[in-house]
PDB file of N, CA and C in Angstrom:
ATOM      1  N   MET A   1      74.114  31.224-224.885  1.00  0.00           N
ATOM      2  CA  MET A   1      73.810  31.694-226.212  1.00  0.00           C
ATOM      3  C   MET A   1      72.771  32.805-226.113  1.00  0.00           C
ATOM      4  N   LYS A   2      73.014  33.894-226.796  1.00  0.00           N
ATOM      5  CA  LYS A   2      72.079  35.001-226.755  1.00  0.00           C
ATOM      6  C   LYS A   2      70.939  34.783-227.744  1.00  0.00           C
ATOM      7  N   SER A   3      69.916  35.587-227.583  1.00  0.00           N
ATOM      8  CA  SER A   3      68.728  35.435-228.414  1.00  0.00           C
ATOM      9  C   SER A   3      69.047  35.645-229.899  1.00  0.00           C
ATOM     10  N   LYS A   4      69.913  36.624-230.214  1.00  0.00           N
ATOM     11  CA  LYS A   4      70.264  36.858-231.614  1.00  0.00           C
ATOM     12  C   LYS A   4      70.940  35.637-232.211  1.00  0.00           C
ATOM     13  N   ASP A   5      71.834  35.038-231.434  1.00  0.00           N
ATOM     14  CA  ASP A   5      72.527  33.842-231.919  1.00  0.00           C
ATOM     15  C   ASP A   5      71.545  32.698-232.134  1.00  0.00           C
ATOM     16  N   LEU A   6      70.604  32.552-231.203  1.00  0.00           N
ATOM     17  CA  LEU A   6      69.597  31.495-231.344  1.00  0.00           C
ATOM     18  C   LEU A   6      68.747  31.716-232.585  1.00  0.00           C
ATOM     19  N   ARG A   7      68.377  32.965-232.817  1.00  0.00           N
ATOM     20  CA  ARG A   7      67.562  33.260-234.005  1.00  0.00           C
ATOM     21  C   ARG A   7      68.322  32.944-235.287  1.00  0.00           C
ATOM     22  N   LYS A   8      69.628  33.232-235.303  1.00  0.00           N
ATOM     23  CA  LYS A   8      70.429  32.914-236.493  1.00  0.00           C
ATOM     24  C   LYS A   8      70.502  31.411-236.719  1.00  0.00           C
ATOM     25  N   VAL A   9      70.642  30.664-235.626  1.00  0.00           N
ATOM     26  CA  VAL A   9      70.688  29.201-235.730  1.00  0.00           C
ATOM     27  C   VAL A   9      69.360  28.675-236.272  1.00  0.00           C
ATOM     28  N   VAL A  10      68.254  29.222-235.761  1.00  0.00           N
ATOM     29  CA  VAL A  10      66.929  28.794-236.229  1.00  0.00           C
ATOM     30  C   VAL A  10      66.755  29.135-237.703  1.00  0.00           C
ATOM     31  N   MET A  11      67.222  30.312-238.129  1.00  0.00           N
ATOM     32  CA  MET A  11      67.115  30.684-239.540  1.00  0.00           C
ATOM     33  C   MET A  11      67.914  29.718-240.410  1.00  0.00           C
ATOM     34  N   ARG A  12      69.123  29.393-239.978  1.00  0.00           N
ATOM     35  CA  ARG A  12      69.971  28.495-240.749  1.00  0.00           C
ATOM     36  C   ARG A  12      69.346  27.102-240.843  1.00  0.00           C
ATOM     37  N   MET A  13      68.817  26.613-239.725  1.00  0.00           N
ATOM     38  CA  MET A  13      68.203  25.280-239.730  1.00  0.00           C
ATOM     39  C   MET A  13      66.917  25.265-240.547  1.00  0.00           C
ATOM     40  N   THR A  14      66.187  26.383-240.531  1.00  0.00           N
ATOM     41  CA  THR A  14      64.973  26.474-241.343  1.00  0.00           C
ATOM     42  C   THR A  14      65.318  26.419-242.819  1.00  0.00           C
ATOM     43  N   ASP A  15      66.404  27.093-243.206  1.00  0.00           N
ATOM     44  CA  ASP A  15      66.842  27.049-244.604  1.00  0.00           C
ATOM     45  C   ASP A  15      67.242  25.629-245.014  1.00  0.00           C
ATOM     46  N   ASP A  16      67.744  24.859-244.044  1.00  0.00           N
ATOM     47  CA  ASP A  16      68.130  23.471-244.336  1.00  0.00           C
ATOM     48  C   ASP A  16      66.925  22.540-244.387  1.00  0.00           C
ATOM     49  N   GLY A  17      65.743  23.027-244.022  1.00  0.00           N
ATOM     50  CA  GLY A  17      64.532  22.231-244.110  1.00  0.00           C
ATOM     51  C   GLY A  17      64.226  21.406-242.873  1.00  0.00           C
ATOM     52  N   ILE A  18      64.819  21.753-241.757  1.00  0.00           N
ATOM     53  CA  ILE A  18      64.578  21.012-240.520  1.00  0.00           C
ATOM     54  C   ILE A  18      63.274  21.502-239.891  1.00  0.00           C
ATOM     55  N   LEU A  19      62.487  20.590-239.351  1.00  0.00           N
ATOM     56  CA  LEU A  19      61.203  20.925-238.742  1.00  0.00           C
ATOM     57  C   LEU A  19      61.400  21.613-237.387  1.00  0.00           C
ATOM     58  N   SER A  20      60.387  22.348-236.976  1.00  0.00           N
ATOM     59  CA  SER A  20      60.481  23.122-235.740  1.00  0.00           C
ATOM     60  C   SER A  20      60.689  22.231-234.519  1.00  0.00           C
ATOM     61  N   ARG A  21      60.044  21.107-234.481  1.00  0.00           N
ATOM     62  CA  ARG A  21      60.175  20.190-233.347  1.00  0.00           C
ATOM     63  C   ARG A  21      61.604  19.665-233.244  1.00  0.00           C
ATOM     64  N   GLN A  22      62.194  19.382-234.385  1.00  0.00           N
ATOM     65  CA  GLN A  22      63.569  18.894-234.395  1.00  0.00           C
ATOM     66  C   GLN A  22      64.549  20.001-233.985  1.00  0.00           C
ATOM     67  N   ILE A  23      64.256  21.237-234.412  1.00  0.00           N
ATOM     68  CA  ILE A  23      65.117  22.365-234.041  1.00  0.00           C
ATOM     69  C   ILE A  23      65.074  22.574-232.532  1.00  0.00           C
ATOM     70  N   ALA A  24      63.877  22.526-231.959  1.00  0.00           N
ATOM     71  CA  ALA A  24      63.737  22.701-230.511  1.00  0.00           C
ATOM     72  C   ALA A  24      64.477  21.598-229.762  1.00  0.00           C
ATOM     73  N   LYS A  25      64.432  20.387-230.308  1.00  0.00           N
ATOM     74  CA  LYS A  25      65.131  19.264-229.674  1.00  0.00           C
ATOM     75  C   LYS A  25      66.646  19.441-229.787  1.00  0.00           C
ATOM     76  N   GLU A  26      67.096  19.939-230.945  1.00  0.00           N
ATOM     77  CA  GLU A  26      68.530  20.181-231.155  1.00  0.00           C
ATOM     78  C   GLU A  26      69.052  21.255-230.196  1.00  0.00           C
ATOM     79  N   LEU A  27      68.234  22.250-229.939  1.00  0.00           N
ATOM     80  CA  LEU A  27      68.639  23.330-229.038  1.00  0.00           C
ATOM     81  C   LEU A  27      68.436  22.953-227.581  1.00  0.00           C
ATOM     82  N   ARG A  28      68.119  21.694-227.344  1.00  0.00           N
ATOM     83  CA  ARG A  28      67.970  21.128-225.999  1.00  0.00           C
ATOM     84  C   ARG A  28      67.009  21.923-225.130  1.00  0.00           C
ATOM     85  N   ASN A  29      65.903  22.253-225.710  1.00  0.00           N
ATOM     86  CA  ASN A  29      64.801  22.933-225.022  1.00  0.00           C
ATOM     87  C   ASN A  29      65.195  24.295-224.436  1.00  0.00           C
ATOM     88  N   VAL A  30      66.209  24.942-225.011  1.00  0.00           N
ATOM     89  CA  VAL A  30      66.520  26.320-224.634  1.00  0.00           C
ATOM     90  C   VAL A  30      65.425  27.227-225.176  1.00  0.00           C
ATOM     91  N   VAL A  31      64.971  26.889-226.363  1.00  0.00           N
ATOM     92  CA  VAL A  31      63.865  27.607-227.005  1.00  0.00           C
ATOM     93  C   VAL A  31      62.743  26.605-227.203  1.00  0.00           C
ATOM     94  N   SER A  32      61.529  27.006-226.852  1.00  0.00           N
ATOM     95  CA  SER A  32      60.406  26.078-226.968  1.00  0.00           C
ATOM     96  C   SER A  32      60.015  25.878-228.430  1.00  0.00           C
ATOM     97  N   ASP A  33      59.280  24.818-228.657  1.00  0.00           N
ATOM     98  CA  ASP A  33      58.812  24.493-230.002  1.00  0.00           C
ATOM     99  C   ASP A  33      57.905  25.600-230.530  1.00  0.00           C
ATOM    100  N   CYS A  34      57.081  26.149-229.651  1.00  0.00           N
ATOM    101  CA  CYS A  34      56.165  27.222-230.051  1.00  0.00           C
ATOM    102  C   CYS A  34      56.940  28.460-230.511  1.00  0.00           C
ATOM    103  N   THR A  35      58.006  28.802-229.799  1.00  0.00           N
ATOM    104  CA  THR A  35      58.821  29.961-230.167  1.00  0.00           C
ATOM    105  C   THR A  35      59.527  29.708-231.497  1.00  0.00           C
ATOM    106  N   VAL A  36      60.023  28.513-231.692  1.00  0.00           N
ATOM    107  CA  VAL A  36      60.685  28.173-232.954  1.00  0.00           C
ATOM    108  C   VAL A  36      59.695  28.297-234.108  1.00  0.00           C
ATOM    109  N   ARG A  37      58.474  27.789-233.901  1.00  0.00           N
ATOM    110  CA  ARG A  37      57.454  27.907-234.956  1.00  0.00           C
ATOM    111  C   ARG A  37      57.129  29.362-235.247  1.00  0.00           C
ATOM    112  N   ARG A  38      57.026  30.188-234.214  1.00  0.00           N
ATOM    113  CA  ARG A  38      56.729  31.616-234.411  1.00  0.00           C
ATOM    114  C   ARG A  38      57.860  32.291-235.182  1.00  0.00           C
ATOM    115  N   TRP A  39      59.111  31.979-234.819  1.00  0.00           N
ATOM    116  CA  TRP A  39      60.259  32.550-235.518  1.00  0.00           C
ATOM    117  C   TRP A  39      60.311  32.083-236.967  1.00  0.00           C
ATOM    118  N   GLN A  40      60.000  30.809-237.215  1.00  0.00           N
ATOM    119  CA  GLN A  40      59.995  30.295-238.582  1.00  0.00           C
ATOM    120  C   GLN A  40      58.934  31.003-239.416  1.00  0.00           C
ATOM    121  N   HIS A  41      57.760  31.185-238.839  1.00  0.00           N
ATOM    122  CA  HIS A  41      56.685  31.873-239.552  1.00  0.00           C
ATOM    123  C   HIS A  41      57.097  33.308-239.883  1.00  0.00           C
ATOM    124  N   LEU A  42      57.708  33.996-238.914  1.00  0.00           N
ATOM    125  CA  LEU A  42      58.165  35.367-239.130  1.00  0.00           C
ATOM    126  C   LEU A  42      59.261  35.401-240.190  1.00  0.00           C
ATOM    127  N   TYR A  43      60.152  34.423-240.171  1.00  0.00           N
ATOM    128  CA  TYR A  43      61.247  34.358-241.135  1.00  0.00           C
ATOM    129  C   TYR A  43      60.726  34.105-242.548  1.00  0.00           C
ATOM    130  N   LYS A  44      59.763  33.209-242.677  1.00  0.00           N
ATOM    131  CA  LYS A  44      59.198  32.922-244.003  1.00  0.00           C
ATOM    132  C   LYS A  44      58.402  34.101-244.541  1.00  0.00           C
ATOM    133  N   ARG A  45      57.747  34.852-243.647  1.00  0.00           N
ATOM    134  CA  ARG A  45      56.918  35.968-244.067  1.00  0.00           C
ATOM    135  C   ARG A  45      57.747  37.204-244.403  1.00  0.00           C
ATOM    136  N   THR A  46      58.768  37.523-243.581  1.00  0.00           N
ATOM    137  CA  THR A  46      59.509  38.773-243.758  1.00  0.00           C
ATOM    138  C   THR A  46      60.932  38.580-244.250  1.00  0.00           C
ATOM    139  N   GLY A  47      61.498  37.396-244.083  1.00  0.00           N
ATOM    140  CA  GLY A  47      62.867  37.163-244.506  1.00  0.00           C
ATOM    141  C   GLY A  47      63.887  37.356-243.401  1.00  0.00           C
ATOM    142  N   SER A  48      63.435  37.768-242.228  1.00  0.00           N
ATOM    143  CA  SER A  48      64.340  37.913-241.087  1.00  0.00           C
ATOM    144  C   SER A  48      63.548  37.713-239.802  1.00  0.00           C
ATOM    145  N   ILE A  49      64.291  37.559-238.711  1.00  0.00           N
ATOM    146  CA  ILE A  49      63.648  37.418-237.407  1.00  0.00           C
ATOM    147  C   ILE A  49      64.087  38.605-236.560  1.00  0.00           C
ATOM    148  N   ASP A  50      63.513  39.749-236.810  1.00  0.00           N
ATOM    149  CA  ASP A  50      63.818  40.938-236.020  1.00  0.00           C
ATOM    150  C   ASP A  50      62.669  41.180-235.064  1.00  0.00           C
ATOM    151  N   LEU A  51      62.979  41.169-233.780  1.00  0.00           N
ATOM    152  CA  LEU A  51      61.963  41.405-232.761  1.00  0.00           C
ATOM    153  C   LEU A  51      62.003  42.884-232.384  1.00  0.00           C
ATOM    154  N   ASN A  52      61.365  43.714-233.189  1.00  0.00           N
ATOM    155  CA  ASN A  52      61.404  45.156-232.966  1.00  0.00           C
ATOM    156  C   ASN A  52      60.589  45.564-231.748  1.00  0.00           C
ATOM    157  N   VAL A  53      59.421  45.015-231.613  1.00  0.00           N
ATOM    158  CA  VAL A  53      58.539  45.380-230.515  1.00  0.00           C
ATOM    159  C   VAL A  53      58.601  44.282-229.465  1.00  0.00           C
ATOM    160  N   PRO A  54      58.978  44.621-228.247  1.00  0.00           N
ATOM    161  CA  PRO A  54      59.011  43.579-227.226  1.00  0.00           C
ATOM    162  C   PRO A  54      57.608  43.076-226.922  1.00  0.00           C
ATOM    163  N   SER A  55      57.499  41.792-226.765  1.00  0.00           N
ATOM    164  CA  SER A  55      56.196  41.229-226.470  1.00  0.00           C
ATOM    165  C   SER A  55      55.901  41.382-224.988  1.00  0.00           C
ATOM    166  N   GLY A  56      54.656  41.374-224.644  1.00  0.00           N
ATOM    167  CA  GLY A  56      54.271  41.450-223.241  1.00  0.00           C
ATOM    168  C   GLY A  56      53.967  42.860-222.778  1.00  0.00           C
ATOM    169  N   ARG A  57      53.815  42.977-221.495  1.00  0.00           N
ATOM    170  CA  ARG A  57      53.454  44.240-220.879  1.00  0.00           C
ATOM    171  C   ARG A  57      54.604  45.243-220.981  1.00  0.00           C
ATOM    172  N   PRO A  58      54.309  46.508-221.294  1.00  0.00           N
ATOM    173  CA  PRO A  58      55.376  47.499-221.386  1.00  0.00           C
ATOM    174  C   PRO A  58      56.035  47.733-220.027  1.00  0.00           C
ATOM    175  N   ARG A  59      57.308  48.004-220.047  1.00  0.00           N
ATOM    176  CA  ARG A  59      58.042  48.237-218.808  1.00  0.00           C
ATOM    177  C   ARG A  59      57.699  49.600-218.232  1.00  0.00           C
ATOM    178  N   ILE A  60      57.850  49.699-216.927  1.00  0.00           N
ATOM    179  CA  ILE A  60      57.544  50.956-216.270  1.00  0.00           C
ATOM    180  C   ILE A  60      58.737  51.896-216.376  1.00  0.00           C
ATOM    181  N   VAL A  61      58.474  53.171-216.195  1.00  0.00           N
ATOM    182  CA  VAL A  61      59.537  54.151-216.219  1.00  0.00           C
ATOM    183  C   VAL A  61      59.973  54.360-214.781  1.00  0.00           C
ATOM    184  N   ARG A  62      61.151  53.874-214.486  1.00  0.00           N
ATOM    185  CA  ARG A  62      61.658  53.979-213.118  1.00  0.00           C
ATOM    186  C   ARG A  62      63.055  54.573-213.184  1.00  0.00           C
ATOM    187  N   THR A  63      63.129  55.898-213.050  1.00  0.00           N
ATOM    188  CA  THR A  63      64.404  56.585-213.119  1.00  0.00           C
ATOM    189  C   THR A  63      64.822  57.038-211.731  1.00  0.00           C
ATOM    190  N   LYS A  64      66.082  57.375-211.599  1.00  0.00           N
ATOM    191  CA  LYS A  64      66.590  57.843-210.312  1.00  0.00           C
ATOM    192  C   LYS A  64      65.920  59.151-209.901  1.00  0.00           C
ATOM    193  N   GLN A  65      65.669  60.024-210.890  1.00  0.00           N
ATOM    194  CA  GLN A  65      65.031  61.307-210.581  1.00  0.00           C
ATOM    195  C   GLN A  65      63.622  61.093-210.046  1.00  0.00           C
ATOM    196  N   LEU A  66      62.877  60.192-210.647  1.00  0.00           N
ATOM    197  CA  LEU A  66      61.506  59.947-210.209  1.00  0.00           C
ATOM    198  C   LEU A  66      61.475  59.307-208.824  1.00  0.00           C
ATOM    199  N   ILE A  67      62.397  58.431-208.547  1.00  0.00           N
ATOM    200  CA  ILE A  67      62.478  57.808-207.222  1.00  0.00           C
ATOM    201  C   ILE A  67      62.779  58.874-206.174  1.00  0.00           C
ATOM    202  N   GLN A  68      63.697  59.796-206.490  1.00  0.00           N
ATOM    203  CA  GLN A  68      64.013  60.875-205.554  1.00  0.00           C
ATOM    204  C   GLN A  68      62.806  61.773-205.319  1.00  0.00           C
ATOM    205  N   LYS A  69      62.056  62.083-206.371  1.00  0.00           N
ATOM    206  CA  LYS A  69      60.861  62.917-206.226  1.00  0.00           C
ATOM    207  C   LYS A  69      59.856  62.271-205.278  1.00  0.00           C
ATOM    208  N   VAL A  70      59.645  60.987-205.438  1.00  0.00           N
ATOM    209  CA  VAL A  70      58.682  60.282-204.597  1.00  0.00           C
ATOM    210  C   VAL A  70      59.146  60.294-203.144  1.00  0.00           C
ATOM    211  N   LYS A  71      60.429  60.047-202.921  1.00  0.00           N
ATOM    212  CA  LYS A  71      60.953  60.067-201.552  1.00  0.00           C
ATOM    213  C   LYS A  71      60.790  61.444-200.924  1.00  0.00           C
ATOM    214  N   GLN A  72      61.059  62.482-201.697  1.00  0.00           N
ATOM    215  CA  GLN A  72      60.915  63.848-201.180  1.00  0.00           C
ATOM    216  C   GLN A  72      59.455  64.154-200.868  1.00  0.00           C
ATOM    217  N   ARG A  73      58.569  63.737-201.722  1.00  0.00           N
ATOM    218  CA  ARG A  73      57.143  64.006-201.480  1.00  0.00           C
ATOM    219  C   ARG A  73      56.666  63.325-200.206  1.00  0.00           C
ATOM    220  N   PHE A  74      57.185  62.127-199.936  1.00  0.00           N
ATOM    221  CA  PHE A  74      56.767  61.421-198.735  1.00  0.00           C
ATOM    222  C   PHE A  74      57.328  62.067-197.473  1.00  0.00           C
ATOM    223  N   THR A  75      58.521  62.617-197.549  1.00  0.00           N
ATOM    224  CA  THR A  75      59.125  63.174-196.339  1.00  0.00           C
ATOM    225  C   THR A  75      58.675  64.604-196.069  1.00  0.00           C
ATOM    226  N   TYR A  76      58.471  65.408-197.084  1.00  0.00           N
ATOM    227  CA  TYR A  76      58.181  66.823-196.870  1.00  0.00           C
ATOM    228  C   TYR A  76      56.704  67.185-196.876  1.00  0.00           C
ATOM    229  N   LYS A  77      55.887  66.381-197.472  1.00  0.00           N
ATOM    230  CA  LYS A  77      54.467  66.719-197.559  1.00  0.00           C
ATOM    231  C   LYS A  77      53.657  65.846-196.621  1.00  0.00           C
ATOM    232  N   ARG A  78      52.428  66.276-196.408  1.00  0.00           N
ATOM    233  CA  ARG A  78      51.545  65.487-195.551  1.00  0.00           C
ATOM    234  C   ARG A  78      51.244  64.146-196.211  1.00  0.00           C
ATOM    235  N   ARG A  79      50.743  63.231-195.442  1.00  0.00           N
ATOM    236  CA  ARG A  79      50.475  61.885-195.960  1.00  0.00           C
ATOM    237  C   ARG A  79      49.439  61.927-197.074  1.00  0.00           C
ATOM    238  N   ARG A  80      49.716  61.203-198.131  1.00  0.00           N
ATOM    239  CA  ARG A  80      48.789  61.075-199.248  1.00  0.00           C
ATOM    240  C   ARG A  80      48.757  59.617-199.663  1.00  0.00           C
ATOM    241  N   SER A  81      47.699  59.260-200.310  1.00  0.00           N
ATOM    242  CA  SER A  81      47.616  57.871-200.790  1.00  0.00           C
ATOM    243  C   SER A  81      48.558  57.708-201.976  1.00  0.00           C
ATOM    244  N   ALA A  82      48.959  56.478-202.229  1.00  0.00           N
ATOM    245  CA  ALA A  82      49.857  56.184-203.335  1.00  0.00           C
ATOM    246  C   ALA A  82      49.203  56.533-204.660  1.00  0.00           C
ATOM    247  N   ARG A  83      47.897  56.349-204.755  1.00  0.00           N
ATOM    248  CA  ARG A  83      47.175  56.660-205.992  1.00  0.00           C
ATOM    249  C   ARG A  83      47.231  58.156-206.286  1.00  0.00           C
ATOM    250  N   LYS A  84      46.997  58.985-205.261  1.00  0.00           N
ATOM    251  CA  LYS A  84      47.041  60.447-205.458  1.00  0.00           C
ATOM    252  C   LYS A  84      48.459  60.909-205.779  1.00  0.00           C
ATOM    253  N   LEU A  85      49.442  60.291-205.113  1.00  0.00           N
ATOM    254  CA  LEU A  85      50.830  60.653-205.391  1.00  0.00           C
ATOM    255  C   LEU A  85      51.201  60.310-206.837  1.00  0.00           C
ATOM    256  N   ALA A  86      50.803  59.142-207.305  1.00  0.00           N
ATOM    257  CA  ALA A  86      51.089  58.729-208.677  1.00  0.00           C
ATOM    258  C   ALA A  86      50.404  59.636-209.689  1.00  0.00           C
ATOM    259  N   LYS A  87      49.202  60.071-209.358  1.00  0.00           N
ATOM    260  CA  LYS A  87      48.466  60.950-210.259  1.00  0.00           C
ATOM    261  C   LYS A  87      49.137  62.308-210.363  1.00  0.00           C
ATOM    262  N   SER A  88      49.681  62.806-209.240  1.00  0.00           N
ATOM    263  CA  SER A  88      50.318  64.112-209.253  1.00  0.00           C
ATOM    264  C   SER A  88      51.664  64.097-209.970  1.00  0.00           C
ATOM    265  N   LEU A  89      52.317  62.932-209.987  1.00  0.00           N
ATOM    266  CA  LEU A  89      53.614  62.832-210.663  1.00  0.00           C
ATOM    267  C   LEU A  89      53.429  62.445-212.106  1.00  0.00           C
TER     268      LEU A  89
END
């Protein structure tokens, strides 16, 4: 089950008046009780469970072009520290 499907199930169960602990138990611990409570709070406050901003640390930018640049810098230029190389790129 994907996250969108799980969120829809939680919304439907919340509308039916089921408690967060019971919802987490029904979903067989696929989603924790804390996550269900957070989704319920978001649903009651905004009317939907849209996760627009990903939680946690932002992902790094790792593209094929950047990987090639780093490889070229290591092979063609004199040795540099990783910190200096990252600063120059």
